[in-house]
PDB file of N, CA and C in Angstrom:
ATOM      1  N   UNK A   1      -0.261 -14.085  -2.955  1.00  0.00           N
ATOM      2  CA  UNK A   1      -1.152 -15.173  -2.867  1.00  0.00           C
ATOM      3  C   UNK A   1      -2.309 -14.843  -3.771  1.00  0.00           C
ATOM      4  N   UNK A   2      -2.645 -15.782  -4.648  1.00  0.00           N
ATOM      5  CA  UNK A   2      -3.769 -15.503  -5.605  1.00  0.00           C
ATOM      6  C   UNK A   2      -4.844 -16.535  -5.373  1.00  0.00           C
ATOM      7  N   UNK A   3      -6.108 -16.053  -5.461  1.00  0.00           N
ATOM      8  CA  UNK A   3      -7.259 -16.934  -5.290  1.00  0.00           C
ATOM      9  C   UNK A   3      -8.118 -16.857  -6.548  1.00  0.00           C
ATOM     10  N   UNK A   4      -8.421 -18.036  -7.136  1.00  0.00           N
ATOM     11  CA  UNK A   4      -9.339 -18.058  -8.229  1.00  0.00           C
ATOM     12  C   UNK A   4     -10.720 -18.440  -7.641  1.00  0.00           C
ATOM     13  N   UNK A   5     -11.757 -18.197  -8.412  1.00  0.00           N
ATOM     14  CA  UNK A   5     -13.137 -18.406  -7.942  1.00  0.00           C
ATOM     15  C   UNK A   5     -13.472 -17.596  -6.669  1.00  0.00           C
ATOM     16  N   UNK A   6     -12.916 -16.411  -6.593  1.00  0.00           N
ATOM     17  CA  UNK A   6     -13.069 -15.552  -5.387  1.00  0.00           C
ATOM     18  C   UNK A   6     -14.531 -15.120  -5.185  1.00  0.00           C
ATOM     19  N   UNK A   7     -15.339 -15.273  -6.227  1.00  0.00           N
ATOM     20  CA  UNK A   7     -16.731 -14.917  -6.115  1.00  0.00           C
ATOM     21  C   UNK A   7     -17.547 -16.044  -5.470  1.00  0.00           C
ATOM     22  N   UNK A   8     -16.922 -17.204  -5.206  1.00  0.00           N
ATOM     23  CA  UNK A   8     -17.585 -18.234  -4.472  1.00  0.00           C
ATOM     24  C   UNK A   8     -17.527 -17.920  -2.954  1.00  0.00           C
ATOM     25  N   UNK A   9     -18.591 -18.108  -2.266  1.00  0.00           N
ATOM     26  CA  UNK A   9     -18.708 -17.707  -0.872  1.00  0.00           C
ATOM     27  C   UNK A   9     -17.592 -18.301  -0.003  1.00  0.00           C
ATOM     28  N   UNK A  10     -17.271 -19.571  -0.150  1.00  0.00           N
ATOM     29  CA  UNK A  10     -16.263 -20.175   0.695  1.00  0.00           C
ATOM     30  C   UNK A  10     -14.861 -19.576   0.447  1.00  0.00           C
ATOM     31  N   UNK A  11     -14.580 -19.352  -0.831  1.00  0.00           N
ATOM     32  CA  UNK A  11     -13.231 -18.782  -1.142  1.00  0.00           C
ATOM     33  C   UNK A  11     -13.192 -17.372  -0.660  1.00  0.00           C
ATOM     34  N   UNK A  12     -14.293 -16.654  -0.851  1.00  0.00           N
ATOM     35  CA  UNK A  12     -14.354 -15.258  -0.429  1.00  0.00           C
ATOM     36  C   UNK A  12     -14.123 -15.124   1.074  1.00  0.00           C
ATOM     37  N   UNK A  13     -14.704 -16.021   1.810  1.00  0.00           N
ATOM     38  CA  UNK A  13     -14.510 -15.944   3.298  1.00  0.00           C
ATOM     39  C   UNK A  13     -13.060 -16.150   3.653  1.00  0.00           C
ATOM     40  N   UNK A  14     -12.334 -17.048   2.973  1.00  0.00           N
ATOM     41  CA  UNK A  14     -10.935 -17.242   3.262  1.00  0.00           C
ATOM     42  C   UNK A  14     -10.144 -16.010   2.956  1.00  0.00           C
ATOM     43  N   UNK A  15     -10.450 -15.334   1.856  1.00  0.00           N
ATOM     44  CA  UNK A  15      -9.756 -14.064   1.519  1.00  0.00           C
ATOM     45  C   UNK A  15     -10.000 -13.044   2.563  1.00  0.00           C
ATOM     46  N   UNK A  16     -11.266 -12.872   2.928  1.00  0.00           N
ATOM     47  CA  UNK A  16     -11.619 -11.852   3.973  1.00  0.00           C
ATOM     48  C   UNK A  16     -10.943 -12.163   5.297  1.00  0.00           C
ATOM     49  N   UNK A  17     -10.819 -13.471   5.617  1.00  0.00           N
ATOM     50  CA  UNK A  17     -10.130 -13.821   6.847  1.00  0.00           C
ATOM     51  C   UNK A  17      -8.665 -13.446   6.797  1.00  0.00           C
ATOM     52  N   UNK A  18      -8.042 -13.717   5.680  1.00  0.00           N
ATOM     53  CA  UNK A  18      -6.618 -13.399   5.506  1.00  0.00           C
ATOM     54  C   UNK A  18      -6.445 -11.859   5.601  1.00  0.00           C
ATOM     55  N   UNK A  19      -7.443 -11.096   5.205  1.00  0.00           N
ATOM     56  CA  UNK A  19      -7.289  -9.651   5.252  1.00  0.00           C
ATOM     57  C   UNK A  19      -7.440  -9.082   6.678  1.00  0.00           C
ATOM     58  N   UNK A  20      -7.912  -9.931   7.638  1.00  0.00           N
ATOM     59  CA  UNK A  20      -7.956  -9.442   9.015  1.00  0.00           C
ATOM     60  C   UNK A  20      -6.595  -9.279   9.622  1.00  0.00           C
ATOM     61  N   UNK A  21      -5.585  -9.968   9.034  1.00  0.00           N
ATOM     62  CA  UNK A  21      -4.234  -9.810   9.411  1.00  0.00           C
ATOM     63  C   UNK A  21      -3.606  -8.601   8.727  1.00  0.00           C
ATOM     64  N   UNK A  22      -3.072  -7.676   9.404  1.00  0.00           N
ATOM     65  CA  UNK A  22      -2.552  -6.459   8.802  1.00  0.00           C
ATOM     66  C   UNK A  22      -1.342  -6.652   7.910  1.00  0.00           C
ATOM     67  N   UNK A  23      -0.874  -7.851   7.825  1.00  0.00           N
ATOM     68  CA  UNK A  23       0.301  -8.155   6.960  1.00  0.00           C
ATOM     69  C   UNK A  23      -0.079  -8.343   5.501  1.00  0.00           C
ATOM     70  N   UNK A  24      -1.377  -8.303   5.207  1.00  0.00           N
ATOM     71  CA  UNK A  24      -1.819  -8.525   3.806  1.00  0.00           C
ATOM     72  C   UNK A  24      -2.737  -7.393   3.381  1.00  0.00           C
ATOM     73  N   UNK A  25      -2.714  -7.178   2.044  1.00  0.00           N
ATOM     74  CA  UNK A  25      -3.658  -6.204   1.435  1.00  0.00           C
ATOM     75  C   UNK A  25      -4.040  -6.746   0.056  1.00  0.00           C
ATOM     76  N   UNK A  26      -5.161  -6.232  -0.454  1.00  0.00           N
ATOM     77  CA  UNK A  26      -5.583  -6.622  -1.813  1.00  0.00           C
ATOM     78  C   UNK A  26      -4.598  -5.979  -2.801  1.00  0.00           C
ATOM     79  N   UNK A  27      -3.921  -6.813  -3.586  1.00  0.00           N
ATOM     80  CA  UNK A  27      -3.021  -6.307  -4.590  1.00  0.00           C
ATOM     81  C   UNK A  27      -3.769  -6.043  -5.867  1.00  0.00           C
ATOM     82  N   UNK A  28      -4.631  -6.977  -6.277  1.00  0.00           N
ATOM     83  CA  UNK A  28      -5.438  -6.770  -7.453  1.00  0.00           C
ATOM     84  C   UNK A  28      -6.640  -7.724  -7.421  1.00  0.00           C
ATOM     85  N   UNK A  29      -7.699  -7.235  -7.992  1.00  0.00           N
ATOM     86  CA  UNK A  29      -8.947  -8.041  -8.050  1.00  0.00           C
ATOM     87  C   UNK A  29      -9.493  -7.891  -9.471  1.00  0.00           C
ATOM     88  N   UNK A  30      -9.515  -8.960 -10.173  1.00  0.00           N
ATOM     89  CA  UNK A  30     -10.119  -8.965 -11.532  1.00  0.00           C
ATOM     90  C   UNK A  30     -11.627  -8.712 -11.395  1.00  0.00           C
ATOM     91  N   UNK A  31     -12.091  -7.671 -11.882  1.00  0.00           N
ATOM     92  CA  UNK A  31     -13.520  -7.306 -11.743  1.00  0.00           C
ATOM     93  C   UNK A  31     -14.391  -7.987 -12.776  1.00  0.00           C
ATOM     94  N   UNK A  32     -15.257  -8.854 -12.301  1.00  0.00           N
ATOM     95  CA  UNK A  32     -16.177  -9.535 -13.209  1.00  0.00           C
ATOM     96  C   UNK A  32     -17.546  -8.971 -13.108  1.00  0.00           C
ATOM     97  N   UNK A  33     -17.790  -8.203 -11.990  1.00  0.00           N
ATOM     98  CA  UNK A  33     -19.062  -7.646 -11.709  1.00  0.00           C
ATOM     99  C   UNK A  33     -18.964  -6.153 -12.012  1.00  0.00           C
ATOM    100  N   UNK A  34     -20.137  -5.543 -12.041  1.00  0.00           N
ATOM    101  CA  UNK A  34     -20.181  -4.065 -12.266  1.00  0.00           C
ATOM    102  C   UNK A  34     -19.533  -3.397 -11.076  1.00  0.00           C
ATOM    103  N   UNK A  35     -18.736  -2.362 -11.316  1.00  0.00           N
ATOM    104  CA  UNK A  35     -18.094  -1.638 -10.263  1.00  0.00           C
ATOM    105  C   UNK A  35     -18.982  -0.672  -9.481  1.00  0.00           C
ATOM    106  N   UNK A  36     -20.249  -0.496  -9.901  1.00  0.00           N
ATOM    107  CA  UNK A  36     -21.092   0.399  -9.221  1.00  0.00           C
ATOM    108  C   UNK A  36     -21.810  -0.309  -8.063  1.00  0.00           C
ATOM    109  N   UNK A  37     -22.150   0.496  -7.060  1.00  0.00           N
ATOM    110  CA  UNK A  37     -22.836  -0.074  -5.882  1.00  0.00           C
ATOM    111  C   UNK A  37     -24.336  -0.031  -6.082  1.00  0.00           C
ATOM    112  N   UNK A  38     -24.981  -1.141  -5.757  1.00  0.00           N
ATOM    113  CA  UNK A  38     -26.414  -1.289  -5.901  1.00  0.00           C
ATOM    114  C   UNK A  38     -27.184  -0.442  -4.896  1.00  0.00           C
ATOM    115  N   UNK A  39     -28.466  -0.392  -5.030  1.00  0.00           N
ATOM    116  CA  UNK A  39     -29.289   0.292  -4.032  1.00  0.00           C
ATOM    117  C   UNK A  39     -29.158  -0.404  -2.692  1.00  0.00           C
ATOM    118  N   UNK A  40     -29.136  -1.741  -2.668  1.00  0.00           N
ATOM    119  CA  UNK A  40     -28.963  -2.503  -1.440  1.00  0.00           C
ATOM    120  C   UNK A  40     -27.609  -2.209  -0.811  1.00  0.00           C
ATOM    121  N   UNK A  41     -26.589  -2.041  -1.627  1.00  0.00           N
ATOM    122  CA  UNK A  41     -25.244  -1.640  -1.097  1.00  0.00           C
ATOM    123  C   UNK A  41     -25.275  -0.304  -0.422  1.00  0.00           C
ATOM    124  N   UNK A  42     -25.949   0.635  -1.087  1.00  0.00           N
ATOM    125  CA  UNK A  42     -26.015   2.009  -0.529  1.00  0.00           C
ATOM    126  C   UNK A  42     -26.826   2.006   0.796  1.00  0.00           C
ATOM    127  N   UNK A  43     -27.887   1.204   0.840  1.00  0.00           N
ATOM    128  CA  UNK A  43     -28.638   1.095   2.078  1.00  0.00           C
ATOM    129  C   UNK A  43     -27.824   0.458   3.175  1.00  0.00           C
ATOM    130  N   UNK A  44     -27.014  -0.541   2.847  1.00  0.00           N
ATOM    131  CA  UNK A  44     -26.198  -1.179   3.852  1.00  0.00           C
ATOM    132  C   UNK A  44     -25.163  -0.196   4.401  1.00  0.00           C
ATOM    133  N   UNK A  45     -24.555   0.566   3.536  1.00  0.00           N
ATOM    134  CA  UNK A  45     -23.581   1.574   3.977  1.00  0.00           C
ATOM    135  C   UNK A  45     -24.230   2.601   4.884  1.00  0.00           C
ATOM    136  N   UNK A  46     -25.468   2.998   4.563  1.00  0.00           N
ATOM    137  CA  UNK A  46     -26.202   3.965   5.365  1.00  0.00           C
ATOM    138  C   UNK A  46     -26.464   3.375   6.752  1.00  0.00           C
ATOM    139  N   UNK A  47     -26.902   2.118   6.777  1.00  0.00           N
ATOM    140  CA  UNK A  47     -27.187   1.463   8.059  1.00  0.00           C
ATOM    141  C   UNK A  47     -25.964   1.302   8.957  1.00  0.00           C
ATOM    142  N   UNK A  48     -24.828   0.983   8.303  1.00  0.00           N
ATOM    143  CA  UNK A  48     -23.574   0.832   9.084  1.00  0.00           C
ATOM    144  C   UNK A  48     -23.100   2.139   9.622  1.00  0.00           C
ATOM    145  N   UNK A  49     -23.417   3.250   8.953  1.00  0.00           N
ATOM    146  CA  UNK A  49     -22.970   4.560   9.429  1.00  0.00           C
ATOM    147  C   UNK A  49     -23.697   5.019  10.647  1.00  0.00           C
ATOM    148  N   UNK A  50     -24.820   4.405  11.022  1.00  0.00           N
ATOM    149  CA  UNK A  50     -25.508   4.796  12.255  1.00  0.00           C
ATOM    150  C   UNK A  50     -24.644   4.450  13.451  1.00  0.00           C
ATOM    151  N   UNK A  51     -24.408   5.395  14.359  1.00  0.00           N
ATOM    152  CA  UNK A  51     -23.584   5.106  15.513  1.00  0.00           C
ATOM    153  C   UNK A  51     -24.073   3.892  16.311  1.00  0.00           C
ATOM    154  N   UNK A  52     -23.172   2.963  16.566  1.00  0.00           N
ATOM    155  CA  UNK A  52     -23.505   1.812  17.365  1.00  0.00           C
ATOM    156  C   UNK A  52     -24.075   0.624  16.569  1.00  0.00           C
ATOM    157  N   UNK A  53     -24.427   0.896  15.313  1.00  0.00           N
ATOM    158  CA  UNK A  53     -25.031  -0.163  14.490  1.00  0.00           C
ATOM    159  C   UNK A  53     -24.013  -1.316  14.210  1.00  0.00           C
ATOM    160  N   UNK A  54     -22.764  -1.037  14.021  1.00  0.00           N
ATOM    161  CA  UNK A  54     -21.796  -2.065  13.739  1.00  0.00           C
ATOM    162  C   UNK A  54     -21.681  -3.078  14.842  1.00  0.00           C
ATOM    163  N   UNK A  55     -21.959  -2.637  16.106  1.00  0.00           N
ATOM    164  CA  UNK A  55     -21.820  -3.536  17.237  1.00  0.00           C
ATOM    165  C   UNK A  55     -22.964  -4.622  17.268  1.00  0.00           C
ATOM    166  N   UNK A  56     -24.055  -4.360  16.639  1.00  0.00           N
ATOM    167  CA  UNK A  56     -25.202  -5.315  16.657  1.00  0.00           C
ATOM    168  C   UNK A  56     -25.457  -5.988  15.357  1.00  0.00           C
ATOM    169  N   UNK A  57     -24.734  -5.612  14.300  1.00  0.00           N
ATOM    170  CA  UNK A  57     -24.959  -6.225  12.991  1.00  0.00           C
ATOM    171  C   UNK A  57     -23.928  -7.293  12.761  1.00  0.00           C
ATOM    172  N   UNK A  58     -24.244  -8.246  11.901  1.00  0.00           N
ATOM    173  CA  UNK A  58     -23.313  -9.358  11.548  1.00  0.00           C
ATOM    174  C   UNK A  58     -22.081  -8.768  10.880  1.00  0.00           C
ATOM    175  N   UNK A  59     -20.852  -9.272  11.214  1.00  0.00           N
ATOM    176  CA  UNK A  59     -19.685  -8.758  10.611  1.00  0.00           C
ATOM    177  C   UNK A  59     -19.633  -8.764   9.080  1.00  0.00           C
ATOM    178  N   UNK A  60     -20.195  -9.807   8.460  1.00  0.00           N
ATOM    179  CA  UNK A  60     -20.182  -9.826   7.005  1.00  0.00           C
ATOM    180  C   UNK A  60     -21.197  -8.815   6.389  1.00  0.00           C
ATOM    181  N   UNK A  61     -22.124  -8.316   7.201  1.00  0.00           N
ATOM    182  CA  UNK A  61     -23.015  -7.246   6.732  1.00  0.00           C
ATOM    183  C   UNK A  61     -22.287  -5.906   6.844  1.00  0.00           C
ATOM    184  N   UNK A  62     -21.589  -5.769   7.912  1.00  0.00           N
ATOM    185  CA  UNK A  62     -20.869  -4.487   8.217  1.00  0.00           C
ATOM    186  C   UNK A  62     -19.801  -4.225   7.171  1.00  0.00           C
ATOM    187  N   UNK A  63     -18.965  -5.243   6.936  1.00  0.00           N
ATOM    188  CA  UNK A  63     -17.845  -5.108   6.030  1.00  0.00           C
ATOM    189  C   UNK A  63     -18.083  -5.989   4.817  1.00  0.00           C
ATOM    190  N   UNK A  64     -18.611  -5.485   3.740  1.00  0.00           N
ATOM    191  CA  UNK A  64     -18.960  -6.267   2.601  1.00  0.00           C
ATOM    192  C   UNK A  64     -17.751  -6.443   1.651  1.00  0.00           C
ATOM    193  N   UNK A  65     -17.904  -7.312   0.667  1.00  0.00           N
ATOM    194  CA  UNK A  65     -16.820  -7.651  -0.220  1.00  0.00           C
ATOM    195  C   UNK A  65     -16.208  -6.477  -0.938  1.00  0.00           C
ATOM    196  N   UNK A  66     -16.969  -5.507  -1.349  1.00  0.00           N
ATOM    197  CA  UNK A  66     -16.380  -4.425  -2.126  1.00  0.00           C
ATOM    198  C   UNK A  66     -15.671  -3.430  -1.227  1.00  0.00           C
ATOM    199  N   UNK A  67     -15.883  -3.442   0.065  1.00  0.00           N
ATOM    200  CA  UNK A  67     -15.167  -2.524   0.962  1.00  0.00           C
ATOM    201  C   UNK A  67     -13.670  -2.739   0.936  1.00  0.00           C
ATOM    202  N   UNK A  68     -13.216  -3.981   1.141  1.00  0.00           N
ATOM    203  CA  UNK A  68     -11.732  -4.195   1.104  1.00  0.00           C
ATOM    204  C   UNK A  68     -11.233  -4.430  -0.340  1.00  0.00           C
ATOM    205  N   UNK A  69     -12.119  -4.360  -1.381  1.00  0.00           N
ATOM    206  CA  UNK A  69     -11.712  -4.563  -2.718  1.00  0.00           C
ATOM    207  C   UNK A  69     -11.704  -5.991  -3.218  1.00  0.00           C
ATOM    208  N   UNK A  70     -12.497  -6.850  -2.478  1.00  0.00           N
ATOM    209  CA  UNK A  70     -12.589  -8.256  -2.813  1.00  0.00           C
ATOM    210  C   UNK A  70     -13.839  -8.446  -3.632  1.00  0.00           C
ATOM    211  N   UNK A  71     -13.805  -8.116  -4.882  1.00  0.00           N
ATOM    212  CA  UNK A  71     -14.976  -8.264  -5.722  1.00  0.00           C
ATOM    213  C   UNK A  71     -14.512  -8.664  -7.125  1.00  0.00           C
ATOM    214  N   UNK A  72     -14.709  -9.908  -7.478  1.00  0.00           N
ATOM    215  CA  UNK A  72     -14.243 -10.419  -8.738  1.00  0.00           C
ATOM    216  C   UNK A  72     -14.034 -11.916  -8.661  1.00  0.00           C
ATOM    217  N   UNK A  73     -13.591 -12.480  -9.760  1.00  0.00           N
ATOM    218  CA  UNK A  73     -13.409 -13.955  -9.773  1.00  0.00           C
ATOM    219  C   UNK A  73     -11.978 -14.305  -9.418  1.00  0.00           C
ATOM    220  N   UNK A  74     -11.083 -13.402  -9.506  1.00  0.00           N
ATOM    221  CA  UNK A  74      -9.661 -13.684  -9.183  1.00  0.00           C
ATOM    222  C   UNK A  74      -9.134 -12.498  -8.349  1.00  0.00           C
ATOM    223  N   UNK A  75      -8.595 -12.862  -7.152  1.00  0.00           N
ATOM    224  CA  UNK A  75      -8.093 -11.817  -6.263  1.00  0.00           C
ATOM    225  C   UNK A  75      -6.698 -12.219  -5.815  1.00  0.00           C
ATOM    226  N   UNK A  76      -5.829 -11.212  -5.846  1.00  0.00           N
ATOM    227  CA  UNK A  76      -4.415 -11.437  -5.400  1.00  0.00           C
ATOM    228  C   UNK A  76      -4.207 -10.590  -4.192  1.00  0.00           C
ATOM    229  N   UNK A  77      -3.580 -11.244  -3.153  1.00  0.00           N
ATOM    230  CA  UNK A  77      -3.194 -10.556  -1.925  1.00  0.00           C
ATOM    231  C   UNK A  77      -1.674 -10.360  -1.916  1.00  0.00           C
ATOM    232  N   UNK A  78      -1.235  -9.310  -1.349  1.00  0.00           N
ATOM    233  CA  UNK A  78       0.190  -9.038  -1.269  1.00  0.00           C
ATOM    234  C   UNK A  78       0.558  -8.950   0.232  1.00  0.00           C
ATOM    235  N   UNK A  79       1.629  -9.630   0.565  1.00  0.00           N
ATOM    236  CA  UNK A  79       2.118  -9.581   1.975  1.00  0.00           C
ATOM    237  C   UNK A  79       2.958  -8.280   2.066  1.00  0.00           C
ATOM    238  N   UNK A  80       2.556  -7.433   3.006  1.00  0.00           N
ATOM    239  CA  UNK A  80       3.184  -6.123   3.122  1.00  0.00           C
ATOM    240  C   UNK A  80       3.973  -6.015   4.440  1.00  0.00           C
ATOM    241  N   UNK A  81       3.964  -7.033   5.279  1.00  0.00           N
ATOM    242  CA  UNK A  81       4.677  -6.978   6.528  1.00  0.00           C
ATOM    243  C   UNK A  81       4.787  -8.347   7.171  1.00  0.00           C
ATOM    244  N   UNK A  82       5.479  -8.407   8.236  1.00  0.00           N
ATOM    245  CA  UNK A  82       5.591  -9.664   8.977  1.00  0.00           C
ATOM    246  C   UNK A  82       4.369  -9.943   9.802  1.00  0.00           C
ATOM    247  N   UNK A  83       4.023 -11.152  10.025  1.00  0.00           N
ATOM    248  CA  UNK A  83       2.933 -11.526  10.865  1.00  0.00           C
ATOM    249  C   UNK A  83       3.366 -11.380  12.303  1.00  0.00           C
ATOM    250  N   UNK A  84       2.740 -10.449  13.015  1.00  0.00           N
ATOM    251  CA  UNK A  84       3.149 -10.123  14.370  1.00  0.00           C
ATOM    252  C   UNK A  84       2.225 -10.669  15.428  1.00  0.00           C
ATOM    253  N   UNK A  85       1.367 -11.623  14.973  1.00  0.00           N
ATOM    254  CA  UNK A  85       0.475 -12.276  15.987  1.00  0.00           C
ATOM    255  C   UNK A  85       1.305 -13.106  16.939  1.00  0.00           C
ATOM    256  N   UNK A  86       0.834 -13.197  18.156  1.00  0.00           N
ATOM    257  CA  UNK A  86       1.513 -14.059  19.128  1.00  0.00           C
ATOM    258  C   UNK A  86       0.643 -15.296  19.335  1.00  0.00           C
ATOM    259  N   UNK A  87       1.325 -16.442  19.456  1.00  0.00           N
ATOM    260  CA  UNK A  87       0.544 -17.678  19.668  1.00  0.00           C
ATOM    261  C   UNK A  87       0.660 -18.027  21.159  1.00  0.00           C
ATOM    262  N   UNK A  88      -0.413 -18.567  21.656  1.00  0.00           N
ATOM    263  CA  UNK A  88      -0.275 -19.008  23.035  1.00  0.00           C
ATOM    264  C   UNK A  88      -1.351 -18.541  23.813  1.00  0.00           C
TER     265      UNK A  88
END
C-alpha cells in the first residue's frame, strides 16, 4: 500500500493508524526531510524515556513520525501477516 503526500498531517495519521495493526510495516519511505533529529526531537525522546511519562503524554507526542519510519512525502507499507483482529 503506497501513500503519496505522507507529509500531510491527515495522510500521516492514516499511515500511523495502519501501523497499529501488526500485519503491516514500513516498506520504504522516500525521505524529503533531513534524516537527522532536531533538538526538539531529542528533547521529546528524553521526556518519553522518563518512567511513566508515556502514560500521561499524548500518543502522537510519544510516538513521533520518525520512530516508525514514516518521514517523507511517499511512504509504502508492506503487509507481513494476516489481520488477526476479532470483530464484535
